[in-house]
C-alpha atoms as a PDB file:
ATOM      1  CA  MET A   1       8.953   9.868  26.824  1.00  0.00           C
ATOM      2  CA  PHE A   2       6.715   8.150  24.264  1.00  0.00           C
ATOM      3  CA  GLN A   3       5.278   4.734  24.937  1.00  0.00           C
ATOM      4  CA  ALA A   4       5.214   2.212  22.074  1.00  0.00           C
ATOM      5  CA  GLN A   5       1.409   2.359  21.734  1.00  0.00           C
ATOM      6  CA  GLU A   6       1.437   6.165  21.528  1.00  0.00           C
ATOM      7  CA  MET A   7       3.835   6.301  18.572  1.00  0.00           C
ATOM      8  CA  GLU A   8       2.169   5.891  15.215  1.00  0.00           C
ATOM      9  CA  LYS A   9       4.117   3.724  12.780  1.00  0.00           C
ATOM     10  CA  VAL A  10       5.681   5.843  10.014  1.00  0.00           C
ATOM     11  CA  CYS A  11       7.523   3.268   7.858  1.00  0.00           C
ATOM     12  CA  TYR A  12       6.676  -0.304   6.928  1.00  0.00           C
ATOM     13  CA  SER A  13       8.895  -3.150   5.727  1.00  0.00           C
ATOM     14  CA  VAL A  14       8.037  -5.024   2.525  1.00  0.00           C
ATOM     15  CA  ASP A  15       6.225  -7.766   4.469  1.00  0.00           C
ATOM     16  CA  GLU A  16       4.339  -5.241   6.609  1.00  0.00           C
ATOM     17  CA  ALA A  17       3.333  -3.212   3.540  1.00  0.00           C
ATOM     18  CA  CYS A  18       2.019  -6.382   1.886  1.00  0.00           C
ATOM     19  CA  ARG A  19      -0.093  -7.156   4.954  1.00  0.00           C
ATOM     20  CA  VAL A  20      -1.407  -3.584   5.219  1.00  0.00           C
ATOM     21  CA  LEU A  21      -2.306  -3.429   1.505  1.00  0.00           C
ATOM     22  CA  SER A  22      -3.554  -7.046   1.317  1.00  0.00           C
ATOM     23  CA  ILE A  23      -1.334  -7.823  -1.669  1.00  0.00           C
ATOM     24  CA  GLY A  24       1.500 -10.261  -2.252  1.00  0.00           C
ATOM     25  CA  ARG A  25       5.202  -9.460  -2.580  1.00  0.00           C
ATOM     26  CA  SER A  26       5.131  -9.941  -6.368  1.00  0.00           C
ATOM     27  CA  GLN A  27       2.296  -7.432  -6.742  1.00  0.00           C
ATOM     28  CA  LEU A  28       4.036  -4.989  -4.397  1.00  0.00           C
ATOM     29  CA  TYR A  29       7.262  -5.105  -6.435  1.00  0.00           C
ATOM     30  CA  LYS A  30       5.248  -4.834  -9.667  1.00  0.00           C
ATOM     31  CA  GLU A  31       3.643  -1.631  -8.368  1.00  0.00           C
ATOM     32  CA  VAL A  32       7.077  -0.259  -7.405  1.00  0.00           C
ATOM     33  CA  ARG A  33       8.556  -1.078 -10.846  1.00  0.00           C
ATOM     34  CA  ALA A  34       5.561   0.572 -12.549  1.00  0.00           C
ATOM     35  CA  GLY A  35       6.097   3.723 -10.466  1.00  0.00           C
ATOM     36  CA  ARG A  36       2.675   3.526  -8.833  1.00  0.00           C
ATOM     37  CA  LEU A  37       4.119   2.841  -5.374  1.00  0.00           C
ATOM     38  CA  LYS A  38       7.208   4.640  -4.101  1.00  0.00           C
ATOM     39  CA  ALA A  39       9.695   2.830  -1.874  1.00  0.00           C
ATOM     40  CA  ARG A  40      12.376   4.453   0.257  1.00  0.00           C
ATOM     41  CA  GLN A  41      15.749   2.960   1.045  1.00  0.00           C
ATOM     42  CA  SER A  42      16.860   2.358   4.637  1.00  0.00           C
ATOM     43  CA  GLY A  43      20.309   0.842   4.361  1.00  0.00           C
ATOM     44  CA  ARG A  44      19.788  -2.248   2.228  1.00  0.00           C
ATOM     45  CA  ARG A  45      16.057  -2.490   2.995  1.00  0.00           C
ATOM     46  CA  LYS A  46      13.130  -1.006   1.116  1.00  0.00           C
ATOM     47  CA  VAL A  47      10.569   0.678   3.324  1.00  0.00           C
ATOM     48  CA  PHE A  48       7.244   2.322   2.578  1.00  0.00           C
ATOM     49  CA  THR A  49       5.850   5.335   4.385  1.00  0.00           C
ATOM     50  CA  ARG A  50       2.353   5.225   5.833  1.00  0.00           C
ATOM     51  CA  VAL A  51       1.467   8.257   3.694  1.00  0.00           C
ATOM     52  CA  GLU A  52       2.624   6.475   0.517  1.00  0.00           C
ATOM     53  CA  LEU A  53       0.636   3.318   1.323  1.00  0.00           C
ATOM     54  CA  GLU A  54      -2.471   5.433   1.929  1.00  0.00           C
ATOM     55  CA  ARG A  55      -1.901   7.379  -1.308  1.00  0.00           C
ATOM     56  CA  TRP A  56      -1.566   4.150  -3.310  1.00  0.00           C
ATOM     57  CA  ALA A  57      -4.722   2.641  -1.778  1.00  0.00           C
ATOM     58  CA  ASN A  58      -6.728   5.837  -2.323  1.00  0.00           C
ATOM     59  CA  ASN A  59      -5.739   5.880  -6.005  1.00  0.00           C
ATOM     60  CA  LEU A  60      -7.031   2.376  -6.716  1.00  0.00           C
ATOM     61  CA  PRO A  61      -9.992   2.372  -9.118  1.00  0.00           C
ATOM     62  CA  HIS A  62     -13.454   1.926  -7.663  1.00  0.00           C
ATOM     63  CA  SER A  63     -14.951  -1.482  -8.308  1.00  0.00           C
ATOM     64  CA  VAL A  64     -18.229  -1.766 -10.191  1.00  0.00           C
ATOM     65  CA  SER A  65     -20.808  -3.966  -8.519  1.00  0.00           C
ATOM     66  CA  GLN A  66     -22.642  -6.705 -10.424  1.00  0.00           C
ATOM     67  CA  GLU A  67     -25.916  -4.816  -9.914  1.00  0.00           C
ATOM     68  CA  GLU A  68     -24.528  -1.678 -11.582  1.00  0.00           C
ATOM     69  CA  THR A  69     -23.300  -3.592 -14.631  1.00  0.00           C
ATOM     70  CA  SER A  70     -26.625  -5.440 -15.148  1.00  0.00           C
ATOM     71  CA  HIS A  71     -28.601  -2.167 -15.203  1.00  0.00           C
ATOM     72  CA  GLY A  72     -26.498  -0.874 -18.087  1.00  0.00           C
ATOM     73  CA  SER A  73     -27.777  -3.522 -20.549  1.00  0.00           C
END
């Protein structure tokens, strides 16, 4: 039998996904509406798979540091 600590979480609620991604609910729903983040339905609740949250985060653009932008001028 699996113990709770041994099982890796597979799906996240809206609030959990917001915490994991460090974004607010409005931004989360905006990403879903834009098709950039895929939600699944579990009864009446939206859930997000761990794989989908990782995919979304890995597809974010890289930020450009202040140092890199000042060297371009």
